[in-house]
Amino acid sequence: MEIQQSIALFGGVYIGLSLPLTAQSQDVWDVVKGGGANARKGSWGGHCVYVPKYDASGFTCNTWGQPKTMTLAFWKKYCDEAHTLFGQDWLTTKGAPSGFDQAQLQADLKAIR
């Protein structure tokens, strides 16, 4: 999955969620089957979070100053955008901790323009 690759290469992704009301009381964000209108996308509102971690069961985001785990099913249903952040720390002469090749990325981007 491209999201996991972005997390591994760049340290995380910034995502937009259309949160359901059912997420308000969950320790782990998950899809509530039979949740009715409270499980509808965006019924709680939109929310942006930073996601620096994933494992086999889902993702961990930072929200409201706390880590929050979400299942893959929750991500698939409620995530409506994802962005890889390419910060200044990744542009230093030392390069990315992952060994990402910035010069190759720039060459690839020029080739698709």
Protein backbone atom coordinates (compact mmCIF):
# COMPACT_ATOMS: atom_id res chain seq x y z
CA MET A 1 0.00 0.00 0.00
CA GLU A 2 1.33 3.45 -0.94
CA ILE A 3 0.36 4.94 2.43
CA GLN A 4 2.52 2.50 4.35
CA GLN A 5 5.40 3.20 1.96
CA SER A 6 5.02 6.95 2.55
CA ILE A 7 5.04 6.42 6.31
CA ALA A 8 8.17 4.27 6.05
CA LEU A 9 10.00 6.66 3.70
CA PHE A 10 8.91 10.04 5.07
CA GLY A 11 7.98 9.37 8.69
CA GLY A 12 4.22 9.83 8.31
CA VAL A 13 1.27 11.14 6.31
CA TYR A 14 -1.28 13.87 6.95
CA ILE A 15 -4.85 12.69 6.34
CA GLY A 16 -8.36 14.05 6.27
CA LEU A 17 -11.14 12.05 7.89
CA SER A 18 -14.91 12.42 7.65
CA LEU A 19 -15.53 11.23 11.18
CA PRO A 20 -18.71 9.46 12.24
CA LEU A 21 -20.38 10.19 15.57
CA THR A 22 -19.64 6.59 16.57
CA ALA A 23 -15.93 7.49 16.80
CA GLN A 24 -16.58 9.81 19.78
CA SER A 25 -16.70 6.98 22.31
CA GLN A 26 -14.25 4.51 20.77
CA ASP A 27 -10.84 3.70 22.23
CA VAL A 28 -9.90 2.30 18.82
CA TRP A 29 -11.60 3.88 15.84
CA ASP A 30 -13.44 1.16 13.97
CA VAL A 31 -16.47 0.81 11.69
CA VAL A 32 -19.66 0.18 13.67
CA LYS A 33 -21.90 -2.16 11.73
CA GLY A 34 -25.54 -1.24 12.25
CA GLY A 35 -24.52 2.15 13.64
CA GLY A 36 -27.22 3.90 11.60
CA ALA A 37 -26.96 7.64 11.07
CA ASN A 38 -24.28 7.89 13.77
CA ALA A 39 -21.96 5.75 11.61
CA ARG A 40 -22.45 7.95 8.54
CA LYS A 41 -19.31 9.59 7.07
CA GLY A 42 -18.93 13.10 8.41
CA SER A 43 -21.77 12.89 10.95
CA TRP A 44 -19.29 14.14 13.58
CA GLY A 45 -17.44 16.36 11.08
CA GLY A 46 -14.14 16.62 9.25
CA HIS A 47 -10.81 16.19 11.02
CA CYS A 48 -7.15 16.20 9.93
CA VAL A 49 -4.59 14.07 11.72
CA TYR A 50 -0.96 13.06 11.35
CA VAL A 51 -0.30 9.32 10.95
CA PRO A 52 3.29 8.32 11.83
CA LYS A 53 2.76 4.60 12.44
CA TYR A 54 1.08 1.47 11.12
CA ASP A 55 1.02 -2.24 11.82
CA ALA A 56 -0.86 -5.29 10.53
CA SER A 57 -4.13 -4.25 12.21
CA GLY A 58 -4.26 -0.58 11.22
CA PHE A 59 -2.79 2.87 11.77
CA THR A 60 -1.94 5.14 14.69
CA CYS A 61 -2.61 8.86 14.37
CA ASN A 62 -2.00 11.86 16.58
CA THR A 63 -5.28 13.59 17.37
CA TRP A 64 -6.22 16.09 20.04
CA GLY A 65 -2.75 15.67 21.54
CA GLN A 66 -3.05 11.89 21.96
CA PRO A 67 -2.22 8.78 19.93
CA LYS A 68 -5.31 7.04 18.53
CA THR A 69 -5.41 3.70 16.74
CA MET A 70 -7.74 3.14 13.80
CA THR A 71 -8.49 -0.11 12.01
CA LEU A 72 -7.85 -0.56 8.32
CA ALA A 73 -11.64 -0.81 7.80
CA PHE A 74 -12.09 2.59 9.50
CA TRP A 75 -9.38 4.11 7.28
CA LYS A 76 -10.98 2.73 4.13
CA LYS A 77 -14.43 4.01 5.06
CA TYR A 78 -13.70 7.43 6.58
CA CYS A 79 -10.35 8.66 5.16
CA ASP A 80 -10.99 10.92 2.18
CA GLU A 81 -7.54 12.41 1.58
CA ALA A 82 -3.89 11.67 2.35
CA HIS A 83 -0.76 13.74 1.83
CA THR A 84 2.90 12.92 2.20
CA LEU A 85 4.81 15.73 3.88
CA PHE A 86 8.28 16.45 2.57
CA GLY A 87 9.75 18.65 5.30
CA GLN A 88 12.95 20.65 5.47
CA ASP A 89 14.64 17.97 7.60
CA TRP A 90 14.42 15.69 4.59
CA LEU A 91 16.21 18.24 2.39
CA THR A 92 19.44 18.43 4.39
CA THR A 93 22.75 17.19 3.06
CA LYS A 94 22.40 14.15 5.32
CA GLY A 95 19.15 13.21 3.60
CA ALA A 96 16.22 11.23 4.85
CA PRO A 97 16.68 8.71 7.66
CA SER A 98 15.14 6.14 5.31
CA GLY A 99 17.84 6.82 2.73
CA PHE A 100 15.29 8.29 0.34
CA ASP A 101 16.92 9.74 -2.77
CA GLN A 102 15.65 13.32 -3.13
CA ALA A 103 17.61 13.96 -6.33
CA GLN A 104 15.96 10.94 -7.97
CA LEU A 105 12.51 12.17 -6.88
CA GLN A 106 13.18 15.58 -8.44
CA ALA A 107 14.37 13.94 -11.68
CA ASP A 108 11.28 11.70 -11.75
CA LEU A 109 8.94 14.67 -11.20
CA LYS A 110 10.58 16.58 -14.06
CA ALA A 111 10.10 13.57 -16.33
CA ILE A 112 6.31 13.54 -15.80
CA ARG A 113 5.69 17.25 -16.32
